[in-house]
């Protein structure tokens, strides 16, 4: 018995990369290289860049840059500071889409097909 007798045609795999509690870094870009889905924390908006750096967190634009530079297919933004309400998060997401698309804004019980 040989593999071609029992296996289907080759098909590309899929990958999910999860970056949480981290700031923008080249290591994140390497980790997410050509991934199917990048799930990345986006704790702070553009109004709190200094706080993000100080606390070692990312902004949504940081996550969008990682996704773009890594060649990710899609970005799921998550882990938002409670300082932002849903409307503000949506606006921050719209701004980040100027850097990378598509971006999905995570929410409780979100289901995503990979």
PDB file of N, CA and C in Angstrom:
ATOM      1  N   UNK A   1       0.867  -1.177   0.000  1.00  0.00           N
ATOM      2  CA  UNK A   1       0.000   0.000   0.000  1.00  0.00           C
ATOM      3  C   UNK A   1       0.905   1.228   0.000  1.00  0.00           C
ATOM      4  N   UNK A   2       0.616   2.133  -0.896  1.00  0.00           N
ATOM      5  CA  UNK A   2       1.383   3.379  -0.996  1.00  0.00           C
ATOM      6  C   UNK A   2       0.468   4.556  -0.686  1.00  0.00           C
ATOM      7  N   UNK A   3       1.023   5.693  -0.279  1.00  0.00           N
ATOM      8  CA  UNK A   3       0.193   6.851   0.073  1.00  0.00           C
ATOM      9  C   UNK A   3      -0.798   7.250  -1.018  1.00  0.00           C
ATOM     10  N   UNK A   4      -0.402   7.194  -2.272  1.00  0.00           N
ATOM     11  CA  UNK A   4      -1.306   7.615  -3.346  1.00  0.00           C
ATOM     12  C   UNK A   4      -2.525   6.701  -3.469  1.00  0.00           C
ATOM     13  N   UNK A   5      -2.463   5.536  -2.858  1.00  0.00           N
ATOM     14  CA  UNK A   5      -3.592   4.608  -2.897  1.00  0.00           C
ATOM     15  C   UNK A   5      -4.665   4.961  -1.864  1.00  0.00           C
ATOM     16  N   UNK A   6      -4.301   5.706  -0.828  1.00  0.00           N
ATOM     17  CA  UNK A   6      -5.252   5.963   0.261  1.00  0.00           C
ATOM     18  C   UNK A   6      -5.447   7.444   0.592  1.00  0.00           C
ATOM     19  N   UNK A   7      -4.613   8.303   0.062  1.00  0.00           N
ATOM     20  CA  UNK A   7      -4.712   9.728   0.376  1.00  0.00           C
ATOM     21  C   UNK A   7      -5.354  10.493  -0.765  1.00  0.00           C
ATOM     22  N   UNK A   8      -6.022  11.586  -0.425  1.00  0.00           N
ATOM     23  CA  UNK A   8      -6.584  12.463  -1.442  1.00  0.00           C
ATOM     24  C   UNK A   8      -5.503  13.353  -2.023  1.00  0.00           C
ATOM     25  N   UNK A   9      -5.938  14.214  -2.913  1.00  0.00           N
ATOM     26  CA  UNK A   9      -5.014  15.163  -3.533  1.00  0.00           C
ATOM     27  C   UNK A   9      -4.452  16.108  -2.471  1.00  0.00           C
ATOM     28  N   UNK A  10      -3.208  16.519  -2.636  1.00  0.00           N
ATOM     29  CA  UNK A  10      -2.630  17.481  -1.682  1.00  0.00           C
ATOM     30  C   UNK A  10      -3.454  18.771  -1.663  1.00  0.00           C
ATOM     31  N   UNK A  11      -3.559  19.363  -0.500  1.00  0.00           N
ATOM     32  CA  UNK A  11      -4.259  20.643  -0.377  1.00  0.00           C
ATOM     33  C   UNK A  11      -3.500  21.509   0.612  1.00  0.00           C
ATOM     34  N   UNK A  12      -3.566  22.811   0.417  1.00  0.00           N
ATOM     35  CA  UNK A  12      -2.821  23.701   1.318  1.00  0.00           C
ATOM     36  C   UNK A  12      -3.409  23.670   2.729  1.00  0.00           C
ATOM     37  N   UNK A  13      -2.533  23.815   3.695  1.00  0.00           N
ATOM     38  CA  UNK A  13      -2.973  23.869   5.080  1.00  0.00           C
ATOM     39  C   UNK A  13      -3.402  25.276   5.464  1.00  0.00           C
ATOM     40  N   UNK A  14      -3.872  25.418   6.668  1.00  0.00           N
ATOM     41  CA  UNK A  14      -4.265  26.721   7.203  1.00  0.00           C
ATOM     42  C   UNK A  14      -3.562  26.904   8.534  1.00  0.00           C
ATOM     43  N   UNK A  15      -3.339  28.172   8.889  1.00  0.00           N
ATOM     44  CA  UNK A  15      -2.645  28.439  10.147  1.00  0.00           C
ATOM     45  C   UNK A  15      -3.296  29.601  10.875  1.00  0.00           C
ATOM     46  N   UNK A  16      -3.303  29.490  12.196  1.00  0.00           N
ATOM     47  CA  UNK A  16      -3.822  30.538  13.069  1.00  0.00           C
ATOM     48  C   UNK A  16      -2.686  30.952  13.995  1.00  0.00           C
ATOM     49  N   UNK A  17      -2.448  32.256  14.073  1.00  0.00           N
ATOM     50  CA  UNK A  17      -1.415  32.799  14.956  1.00  0.00           C
ATOM     51  C   UNK A  17      -2.112  33.705  15.961  1.00  0.00           C
ATOM     52  N   UNK A  18      -1.758  33.557  17.239  1.00  0.00           N
ATOM     53  CA  UNK A  18      -2.403  34.300  18.322  1.00  0.00           C
ATOM     54  C   UNK A  18      -1.339  35.100  19.062  1.00  0.00           C
ATOM     55  N   UNK A  19      -1.402  36.419  18.964  1.00  0.00           N
ATOM     56  CA  UNK A  19      -0.441  37.306  19.640  1.00  0.00           C
ATOM     57  C   UNK A  19      -1.193  38.126  20.679  1.00  0.00           C
ATOM     58  N   UNK A  20      -0.895  37.909  21.940  1.00  0.00           N
ATOM     59  CA  UNK A  20      -1.611  38.583  23.016  1.00  0.00           C
ATOM     60  C   UNK A  20      -0.618  39.164  24.008  1.00  0.00           C
ATOM     61  N   UNK A  21      -0.980  40.302  24.572  1.00  0.00           N
ATOM     62  CA  UNK A  21      -0.149  40.986  25.565  1.00  0.00           C
ATOM     63  C   UNK A  21       1.268  41.206  25.048  1.00  0.00           C
ATOM     64  N   UNK A  22       1.349  41.831  23.896  1.00  0.00           N
ATOM     65  CA  UNK A  22       2.646  42.118  23.293  1.00  0.00           C
ATOM     66  C   UNK A  22       2.571  43.418  22.509  1.00  0.00           C
ATOM     67  N   UNK A  23       3.703  44.023  22.336  1.00  0.00           N
ATOM     68  CA  UNK A  23       3.750  45.231  21.515  1.00  0.00           C
ATOM     69  C   UNK A  23       4.256  44.865  20.126  1.00  0.00           C
ATOM     70  N   UNK A  24       4.168  45.805  19.194  1.00  0.00           N
ATOM     71  CA  UNK A  24       4.634  45.575  17.831  1.00  0.00           C
ATOM     72  C   UNK A  24       6.072  45.074  17.859  1.00  0.00           C
ATOM     73  N   UNK A  25       6.337  43.988  17.115  1.00  0.00           N
ATOM     74  CA  UNK A  25       7.710  43.477  17.063  1.00  0.00           C
ATOM     75  C   UNK A  25       7.938  42.699  15.777  1.00  0.00           C
ATOM     76  N   UNK A  26       9.182  42.657  15.369  1.00  0.00           N
ATOM     77  CA  UNK A  26       9.567  41.866  14.207  1.00  0.00           C
ATOM     78  C   UNK A  26       9.322  40.380  14.460  1.00  0.00           C
ATOM     79  N   UNK A  27       9.429  39.949  15.704  1.00  0.00           N
ATOM     80  CA  UNK A  27       9.189  38.539  16.018  1.00  0.00           C
ATOM     81  C   UNK A  27       7.740  38.154  15.742  1.00  0.00           C
ATOM     82  N   UNK A  28       6.818  39.067  16.046  1.00  0.00           N
ATOM     83  CA  UNK A  28       5.407  38.794  15.743  1.00  0.00           C
ATOM     84  C   UNK A  28       5.197  38.662  14.241  1.00  0.00           C
ATOM     85  N   UNK A  29       5.877  39.501  13.480  1.00  0.00           N
ATOM     86  CA  UNK A  29       5.772  39.435  12.019  1.00  0.00           C
ATOM     87  C   UNK A  29       6.290  38.090  11.516  1.00  0.00           C
ATOM     88  N   UNK A  30       7.427  37.655  12.030  1.00  0.00           N
ATOM     89  CA  UNK A  30       7.982  36.357  11.615  1.00  0.00           C
ATOM     90  C   UNK A  30       7.058  35.206  12.018  1.00  0.00           C
ATOM     91  N   UNK A  31       6.511  35.291  13.221  1.00  0.00           N
ATOM     92  CA  UNK A  31       5.610  34.249  13.702  1.00  0.00           C
ATOM     93  C   UNK A  31       4.369  34.145  12.815  1.00  0.00           C
ATOM     94  N   UNK A  32       3.856  35.284  12.381  1.00  0.00           N
ATOM     95  CA  UNK A  32       2.614  35.323  11.602  1.00  0.00           C
ATOM     96  C   UNK A  32       2.835  35.195  10.098  1.00  0.00           C
ATOM     97  N   UNK A  33       4.044  34.906   9.683  1.00  0.00           N
ATOM     98  CA  UNK A  33       4.388  34.876   8.258  1.00  0.00           C
ATOM     99  C   UNK A  33       3.394  34.051   7.437  1.00  0.00           C
ATOM    100  N   UNK A  34       2.700  34.729   6.535  1.00  0.00           N
ATOM    101  CA  UNK A  34       1.768  34.104   5.583  1.00  0.00           C
ATOM    102  C   UNK A  34       0.681  33.264   6.259  1.00  0.00           C
ATOM    103  N   UNK A  35       0.277  33.631   7.467  1.00  0.00           N
ATOM    104  CA  UNK A  35      -0.755  32.872   8.165  1.00  0.00           C
ATOM    105  C   UNK A  35      -2.133  33.121   7.545  1.00  0.00           C
ATOM    106  N   UNK A  36      -3.016  32.179   7.775  1.00  0.00           N
ATOM    107  CA  UNK A  36      -4.391  32.320   7.320  1.00  0.00           C
ATOM    108  C   UNK A  36      -5.105  33.368   8.163  1.00  0.00           C
ATOM    109  N   UNK A  37      -4.989  33.246   9.478  1.00  0.00           N
ATOM    110  CA  UNK A  37      -5.676  34.145  10.399  1.00  0.00           C
ATOM    111  C   UNK A  37      -4.721  34.574  11.504  1.00  0.00           C
ATOM    112  N   UNK A  38      -4.632  35.880  11.705  1.00  0.00           N
ATOM    113  CA  UNK A  38      -3.861  36.446  12.814  1.00  0.00           C
ATOM    114  C   UNK A  38      -4.850  37.012  13.819  1.00  0.00           C
ATOM    115  N   UNK A  39      -4.809  36.496  15.038  1.00  0.00           N
ATOM    116  CA  UNK A  39      -5.593  37.045  16.146  1.00  0.00           C
ATOM    117  C   UNK A  39      -4.607  37.841  16.982  1.00  0.00           C
ATOM    118  N   UNK A  40      -4.842  39.141  17.102  1.00  0.00           N
ATOM    119  CA  UNK A  40      -3.847  40.013  17.736  1.00  0.00           C
ATOM    120  C   UNK A  40      -4.534  40.958  18.710  1.00  0.00           C
ATOM    121  N   UNK A  41      -3.941  41.108  19.878  1.00  0.00           N
ATOM    122  CA  UNK A  41      -4.470  42.063  20.851  1.00  0.00           C
ATOM    123  C   UNK A  41      -4.342  43.482  20.320  1.00  0.00           C
ATOM    124  N   UNK A  42      -5.346  44.271  20.645  1.00  0.00           N
ATOM    125  CA  UNK A  42      -5.382  45.671  20.204  1.00  0.00           C
ATOM    126  C   UNK A  42      -5.902  46.504  21.371  1.00  0.00           C
ATOM    127  N   UNK A  43      -5.168  46.452  22.455  1.00  0.00           N
ATOM    128  CA  UNK A  43      -5.637  47.037  23.706  1.00  0.00           C
ATOM    129  C   UNK A  43      -5.922  48.525  23.600  1.00  0.00           C
ATOM    130  N   UNK A  44      -5.061  49.252  22.906  1.00  0.00           N
ATOM    131  CA  UNK A  44      -5.184  50.708  22.895  1.00  0.00           C
ATOM    132  C   UNK A  44      -5.424  51.261  21.502  1.00  0.00           C
ATOM    133  N   UNK A  45      -6.052  52.431  21.481  1.00  0.00           N
ATOM    134  CA  UNK A  45      -6.273  53.162  20.241  1.00  0.00           C
ATOM    135  C   UNK A  45      -5.168  54.167  20.014  1.00  0.00           C
ATOM    136  N   UNK A  46      -5.298  54.949  18.941  1.00  0.00           N
ATOM    137  CA  UNK A  46      -4.252  55.913  18.596  1.00  0.00           C
ATOM    138  C   UNK A  46      -4.105  57.043  19.616  1.00  0.00           C
ATOM    139  N   UNK A  47      -5.096  57.199  20.475  1.00  0.00           N
ATOM    140  CA  UNK A  47      -5.030  58.231  21.511  1.00  0.00           C
ATOM    141  C   UNK A  47      -4.115  57.836  22.667  1.00  0.00           C
ATOM    142  N   UNK A  48      -3.698  56.572  22.711  1.00  0.00           N
ATOM    143  CA  UNK A  48      -2.935  56.081  23.865  1.00  0.00           C
ATOM    144  C   UNK A  48      -1.684  55.317  23.429  1.00  0.00           C
ATOM    145  N   UNK A  49      -1.026  55.799  22.387  1.00  0.00           N
ATOM    146  CA  UNK A  49       0.176  55.122  21.882  1.00  0.00           C
ATOM    147  C   UNK A  49       1.257  55.038  22.957  1.00  0.00           C
ATOM    148  N   UNK A  50       1.485  56.141  23.675  1.00  0.00           N
ATOM    149  CA  UNK A  50       2.521  56.129  24.717  1.00  0.00           C
ATOM    150  C   UNK A  50       2.194  55.116  25.810  1.00  0.00           C
ATOM    151  N   UNK A  51       0.926  55.049  26.199  1.00  0.00           N
ATOM    152  CA  UNK A  51       0.514  54.088  27.224  1.00  0.00           C
ATOM    153  C   UNK A  51       0.702  52.653  26.706  1.00  0.00           C
ATOM    154  N   UNK A  52       0.387  52.434  25.440  1.00  0.00           N
ATOM    155  CA  UNK A  52       0.577  51.102  24.852  1.00  0.00           C
ATOM    156  C   UNK A  52       2.041  50.693  24.928  1.00  0.00           C
ATOM    157  N   UNK A  53       2.925  51.600  24.577  1.00  0.00           N
ATOM    158  CA  UNK A  53       4.360  51.284  24.604  1.00  0.00           C
ATOM    159  C   UNK A  53       4.833  51.031  26.038  1.00  0.00           C
ATOM    160  N   UNK A  54       4.380  51.892  26.941  1.00  0.00           N
ATOM    161  CA  UNK A  54       4.780  51.777  28.346  1.00  0.00           C
ATOM    162  C   UNK A  54       4.328  50.451  28.950  1.00  0.00           C
ATOM    163  N   UNK A  55       3.135  50.009  28.582  1.00  0.00           N
ATOM    164  CA  UNK A  55       2.557  48.801  29.172  1.00  0.00           C
ATOM    165  C   UNK A  55       2.763  47.553  28.313  1.00  0.00           C
ATOM    166  N   UNK A  56       3.560  47.704  27.248  1.00  0.00           N
ATOM    167  CA  UNK A  56       3.894  46.566  26.376  1.00  0.00           C
ATOM    168  C   UNK A  56       2.660  45.946  25.727  1.00  0.00           C
ATOM    169  N   UNK A  57       1.780  46.794  25.233  1.00  0.00           N
ATOM    170  CA  UNK A  57       0.595  46.362  24.505  1.00  0.00           C
ATOM    171  C   UNK A  57       0.620  46.951  23.106  1.00  0.00           C
ATOM    172  N   UNK A  58      -0.350  46.556  22.298  1.00  0.00           N
ATOM    173  CA  UNK A  58      -0.435  47.022  20.920  1.00  0.00           C
ATOM    174  C   UNK A  58      -1.649  47.911  20.708  1.00  0.00           C
ATOM    175  N   UNK A  59      -1.548  48.724  19.678  1.00  0.00           N
ATOM    176  CA  UNK A  59      -2.710  49.458  19.178  1.00  0.00           C
ATOM    177  C   UNK A  59      -3.274  48.642  18.013  1.00  0.00           C
ATOM    178  N   UNK A  60      -4.472  49.001  17.564  1.00  0.00           N
ATOM    179  CA  UNK A  60      -5.026  48.288  16.422  1.00  0.00           C
ATOM    180  C   UNK A  60      -4.185  48.539  15.172  1.00  0.00           C
ATOM    181  N   UNK A  61      -3.615  49.729  15.060  1.00  0.00           N
ATOM    182  CA  UNK A  61      -2.742  49.996  13.919  1.00  0.00           C
ATOM    183  C   UNK A  61      -1.485  49.119  13.974  1.00  0.00           C
ATOM    184  N   UNK A  62      -0.951  48.892  15.185  1.00  0.00           N
ATOM    185  CA  UNK A  62       0.194  47.978  15.326  1.00  0.00           C
ATOM    186  C   UNK A  62      -0.171  46.593  14.798  1.00  0.00           C
ATOM    187  N   UNK A  63      -1.326  46.096  15.208  1.00  0.00           N
ATOM    188  CA  UNK A  63      -1.767  44.768  14.773  1.00  0.00           C
ATOM    189  C   UNK A  63      -1.956  44.733  13.258  1.00  0.00           C
ATOM    190  N   UNK A  64      -2.500  45.807  12.704  1.00  0.00           N
ATOM    191  CA  UNK A  64      -2.685  45.882  11.250  1.00  0.00           C
ATOM    192  C   UNK A  64      -1.340  45.867  10.533  1.00  0.00           C
ATOM    193  N   UNK A  65      -0.356  46.542  11.097  1.00  0.00           N
ATOM    194  CA  UNK A  65       0.994  46.534  10.503  1.00  0.00           C
ATOM    195  C   UNK A  65       1.594  45.133  10.536  1.00  0.00           C
ATOM    196  N   UNK A  66       1.424  44.434  11.660  1.00  0.00           N
ATOM    197  CA  UNK A  66       1.927  43.060  11.754  1.00  0.00           C
ATOM    198  C   UNK A  66       1.262  42.207  10.674  1.00  0.00           C
ATOM    199  N   UNK A  67      -0.062  42.306  10.562  1.00  0.00           N
ATOM    200  CA  UNK A  67      -0.790  41.515   9.565  1.00  0.00           C
ATOM    201  C   UNK A  67      -0.306  41.823   8.154  1.00  0.00           C
ATOM    202  N   UNK A  68      -0.153  43.099   7.852  1.00  0.00           N
ATOM    203  CA  UNK A  68       0.284  43.501   6.514  1.00  0.00           C
ATOM    204  C   UNK A  68       1.698  43.004   6.215  1.00  0.00           C
ATOM    205  N   UNK A  69       2.619  43.272   7.132  1.00  0.00           N
ATOM    206  CA  UNK A  69       4.020  42.906   6.897  1.00  0.00           C
ATOM    207  C   UNK A  69       4.233  41.396   6.894  1.00  0.00           C
ATOM    208  N   UNK A  70       3.372  40.667   7.614  1.00  0.00           N
ATOM    209  CA  UNK A  70       3.481  39.207   7.653  1.00  0.00           C
ATOM    210  C   UNK A  70       2.810  38.553   6.448  1.00  0.00           C
ATOM    211  N   UNK A  71       1.992  39.301   5.741  1.00  0.00           N
ATOM    212  CA  UNK A  71       1.253  38.708   4.627  1.00  0.00           C
ATOM    213  C   UNK A  71       0.104  37.837   5.095  1.00  0.00           C
ATOM    214  N   UNK A  72      -0.484  38.187   6.249  1.00  0.00           N
ATOM    215  CA  UNK A  72      -1.626  37.436   6.769  1.00  0.00           C
ATOM    216  C   UNK A  72      -2.823  37.602   5.828  1.00  0.00           C
ATOM    217  N   UNK A  73      -3.707  36.611   5.829  1.00  0.00           N
ATOM    218  CA  UNK A  73      -4.906  36.719   5.003  1.00  0.00           C
ATOM    219  C   UNK A  73      -5.988  37.544   5.687  1.00  0.00           C
ATOM    220  N   UNK A  74      -6.080  37.429   6.996  1.00  0.00           N
ATOM    221  CA  UNK A  74      -7.099  38.178   7.737  1.00  0.00           C
ATOM    222  C   UNK A  74      -6.595  38.453   9.155  1.00  0.00           C
ATOM    223  N   UNK A  75      -7.128  39.511   9.763  1.00  0.00           N
ATOM    224  CA  UNK A  75      -6.780  39.906  11.131  1.00  0.00           C
ATOM    225  C   UNK A  75      -8.042  39.926  11.973  1.00  0.00           C
ATOM    226  N   UNK A  76      -7.964  39.307  13.140  1.00  0.00           N
ATOM    227  CA  UNK A  76      -9.032  39.420  14.130  1.00  0.00           C
ATOM    228  C   UNK A  76      -8.463  40.225  15.285  1.00  0.00           C
ATOM    229  N   UNK A  77      -9.050  41.396  15.516  1.00  0.00           N
ATOM    230  CA  UNK A  77      -8.603  42.296  16.580  1.00  0.00           C
ATOM    231  C   UNK A  77      -9.365  41.964  17.862  1.00  0.00           C
ATOM    232  N   UNK A  78      -8.624  41.858  18.974  1.00  0.00           N
ATOM    233  CA  UNK A  78      -9.241  41.466  20.241  1.00  0.00           C
ATOM    234  C   UNK A  78      -8.535  42.134  21.414  1.00  0.00           C
ATOM    235  N   UNK A  79      -9.049  41.905  22.638  1.00  0.00           N
ATOM    236  CA  UNK A  79      -8.418  42.348  23.889  1.00  0.00           C
ATOM    237  C   UNK A  79      -8.392  43.879  23.971  1.00  0.00           C
ATOM    238  N   UNK A  80      -9.578  44.484  23.898  1.00  0.00           N
ATOM    239  CA  UNK A  80      -9.704  45.940  23.909  1.00  0.00           C
ATOM    240  C   UNK A  80      -9.770  46.476  25.337  1.00  0.00           C
ATOM    241  N   UNK A  81      -9.178  47.619  25.554  1.00  0.00           N
ATOM    242  CA  UNK A  81      -9.274  48.286  26.847  1.00  0.00           C
ATOM    243  C   UNK A  81     -10.725  48.691  27.094  1.00  0.00           C
ATOM    244  N   UNK A  82     -11.135  48.628  28.351  1.00  0.00           N
ATOM    245  CA  UNK A  82     -12.494  49.046  28.705  1.00  0.00           C
ATOM    246  C   UNK A  82     -12.675  50.555  28.593  1.00  0.00           C
ATOM    247  N   UNK A  83     -11.607  51.273  28.311  1.00  0.00           N
ATOM    248  CA  UNK A  83     -11.730  52.724  28.115  1.00  0.00           C
ATOM    249  C   UNK A  83     -12.503  53.035  26.841  1.00  0.00           C
ATOM    250  N   UNK A  84     -12.635  52.042  25.925  1.00  0.00           N
ATOM    251  CA  UNK A  84     -13.317  52.251  24.649  1.00  0.00           C
ATOM    252  C   UNK A  84     -14.664  51.539  24.631  1.00  0.00           C
ATOM    253  N   UNK A  85     -15.677  52.229  24.105  1.00  0.00           N
ATOM    254  CA  UNK A  85     -16.974  51.579  23.917  1.00  0.00           C
ATOM    255  C   UNK A  85     -17.029  50.993  22.502  1.00  0.00           C
ATOM    256  N   UNK A  86     -18.104  50.303  22.203  1.00  0.00           N
ATOM    257  CA  UNK A  86     -18.224  49.634  20.911  1.00  0.00           C
ATOM    258  C   UNK A  86     -18.093  50.571  19.723  1.00  0.00           C
ATOM    259  N   UNK A  87     -18.663  51.754  19.825  1.00  0.00           N
ATOM    260  CA  UNK A  87     -18.583  52.732  18.740  1.00  0.00           C
ATOM    261  C   UNK A  87     -17.146  53.166  18.510  1.00  0.00           C
ATOM    262  N   UNK A  88     -16.421  53.412  19.603  1.00  0.00           N
ATOM    263  CA  UNK A  88     -15.017  53.823  19.483  1.00  0.00           C
ATOM    264  C   UNK A  88     -14.159  52.703  18.888  1.00  0.00           C
ATOM    265  N   UNK A  89     -14.410  51.480  19.323  1.00  0.00           N
ATOM    266  CA  UNK A  89     -13.654  50.346  18.784  1.00  0.00           C
ATOM    267  C   UNK A  89     -13.910  50.210  17.284  1.00  0.00           C
ATOM    268  N   UNK A  90     -15.164  50.374  16.877  1.00  0.00           N
ATOM    269  CA  UNK A  90     -15.488  50.303  15.447  1.00  0.00           C
ATOM    270  C   UNK A  90     -14.745  51.388  14.667  1.00  0.00           C
ATOM    271  N   UNK A  91     -14.670  52.596  15.219  1.00  0.00           N
ATOM    272  CA  UNK A  91     -13.967  53.686  14.538  1.00  0.00           C
ATOM    273  C   UNK A  91     -12.465  53.407  14.454  1.00  0.00           C
ATOM    274  N   UNK A  92     -11.891  52.911  15.543  1.00  0.00           N
ATOM    275  CA  UNK A  92     -10.467  52.565  15.542  1.00  0.00           C
ATOM    276  C   UNK A  92     -10.210  51.482  14.490  1.00  0.00           C
ATOM    277  N   UNK A  93     -11.138  50.529  14.376  1.00  0.00           N
ATOM    278  CA  UNK A  93     -11.021  49.488  13.354  1.00  0.00           C
ATOM    279  C   UNK A  93     -11.077  50.061  11.952  1.00  0.00           C
ATOM    280  N   UNK A  94     -11.989  51.010  11.731  1.00  0.00           N
ATOM    281  CA  UNK A  94     -12.076  51.653  10.413  1.00  0.00           C
ATOM    282  C   UNK A  94     -10.768  52.352  10.062  1.00  0.00           C
ATOM    283  N   UNK A  95     -10.182  53.026  11.043  1.00  0.00           N
ATOM    284  CA  UNK A  95      -8.904  53.713  10.802  1.00  0.00           C
ATOM    285  C   UNK A  95      -7.797  52.713  10.473  1.00  0.00           C
ATOM    286  N   UNK A  96      -7.771  51.587  11.195  1.00  0.00           N
ATOM    287  CA  UNK A  96      -6.725  50.581  10.978  1.00  0.00           C
ATOM    288  C   UNK A  96      -6.870  49.897   9.624  1.00  0.00           C
ATOM    289  N   UNK A  97      -8.076  49.887   9.075  1.00  0.00           N
ATOM    290  CA  UNK A  97      -8.288  49.281   7.756  1.00  0.00           C
ATOM    291  C   UNK A  97      -7.580  50.051   6.645  1.00  0.00           C
ATOM    292  N   UNK A  98      -7.120  51.249   6.945  1.00  0.00           N
ATOM    293  CA  UNK A  98      -6.305  51.977   5.972  1.00  0.00           C
ATOM    294  C   UNK A  98      -4.918  51.339   5.852  1.00  0.00           C
ATOM    295  N   UNK A  99      -4.529  50.573   6.867  1.00  0.00           N
ATOM    296  CA  UNK A  99      -3.240  49.876   6.873  1.00  0.00           C
ATOM    297  C   UNK A  99      -3.395  48.455   6.334  1.00  0.00           C
ATOM    298  N   UNK A 100      -4.474  47.760   6.746  1.00  0.00           N
ATOM    299  CA  UNK A 100      -4.668  46.354   6.373  1.00  0.00           C
ATOM    300  C   UNK A 100      -6.154  46.031   6.356  1.00  0.00           C
ATOM    301  N   UNK A 101      -6.526  45.189   5.419  1.00  0.00           N
ATOM    302  CA  UNK A 101      -7.871  44.616   5.379  1.00  0.00           C
ATOM    303  C   UNK A 101      -7.761  43.161   4.958  1.00  0.00           C
ATOM    304  N   UNK A 102      -8.655  42.305   5.385  1.00  0.00           N
ATOM    305  CA  UNK A 102      -9.811  42.551   6.223  1.00  0.00           C
ATOM    306  C   UNK A 102      -9.480  42.452   7.717  1.00  0.00           C
ATOM    307  N   UNK A 103     -10.202  43.235   8.504  1.00  0.00           N
ATOM    308  CA  UNK A 103     -10.102  43.186   9.965  1.00  0.00           C
ATOM    309  C   UNK A 103     -11.480  42.835  10.510  1.00  0.00           C
ATOM    310  N   UNK A 104     -11.523  41.834  11.375  1.00  0.00           N
ATOM    311  CA  UNK A 104     -12.734  41.485  12.101  1.00  0.00           C
ATOM    312  C   UNK A 104     -12.557  41.952  13.535  1.00  0.00           C
ATOM    313  N   UNK A 105     -13.550  42.653  14.062  1.00  0.00           N
ATOM    314  CA  UNK A 105     -13.531  43.090  15.459  1.00  0.00           C
ATOM    315  C   UNK A 105     -14.132  41.958  16.294  1.00  0.00           C
ATOM    316  N   UNK A 106     -13.328  41.382  17.177  1.00  0.00           N
ATOM    317  CA  UNK A 106     -13.788  40.259  17.991  1.00  0.00           C
ATOM    318  C   UNK A 106     -14.854  40.713  18.984  1.00  0.00           C
ATOM    319  N   UNK A 107     -15.695  39.778  19.339  1.00  0.00           N
ATOM    320  CA  UNK A 107     -16.714  40.001  20.369  1.00  0.00           C
ATOM    321  C   UNK A 107     -16.950  38.661  21.064  1.00  0.00           C
ATOM    322  N   UNK A 108     -17.580  38.705  22.207  1.00  0.00           N
ATOM    323  CA  UNK A 108     -17.864  37.474  22.931  1.00  0.00           C
ATOM    324  C   UNK A 108     -18.653  36.509  22.046  1.00  0.00           C
ATOM    325  N   UNK A 109     -18.275  35.260  22.081  1.00  0.00           N
ATOM    326  CA  UNK A 109     -18.914  34.158  21.368  1.00  0.00           C
ATOM    327  C   UNK A 109     -18.790  34.243  19.845  1.00  0.00           C
ATOM    328  N   UNK A 110     -17.868  35.060  19.357  1.00  0.00           N
ATOM    329  CA  UNK A 110     -17.630  35.146  17.917  1.00  0.00           C
ATOM    330  C   UNK A 110     -17.145  33.795  17.398  1.00  0.00           C
ATOM    331  N   UNK A 111     -17.726  33.339  16.312  1.00  0.00           N
ATOM    332  CA  UNK A 111     -17.273  32.129  15.638  1.00  0.00           C
ATOM    333  C   UNK A 111     -16.775  32.522  14.264  1.00  0.00           C
ATOM    334  N   UNK A 112     -15.619  31.996  13.890  1.00  0.00           N
ATOM    335  CA  UNK A 112     -14.995  32.334  12.615  1.00  0.00           C
ATOM    336  C   UNK A 112     -14.602  31.047  11.916  1.00  0.00           C
ATOM    337  N   UNK A 113     -14.943  30.945  10.644  1.00  0.00           N
ATOM    338  CA  UNK A 113     -14.492  29.795   9.862  1.00  0.00           C
ATOM    339  C   UNK A 113     -13.102  30.099   9.330  1.00  0.00           C
ATOM    340  N   UNK A 114     -12.177  29.206   9.570  1.00  0.00           N
ATOM    341  CA  UNK A 114     -10.788  29.419   9.142  1.00  0.00           C
ATOM    342  C   UNK A 114     -10.587  28.878   7.747  1.00  0.00           C
TER     343      UNK A 114
END
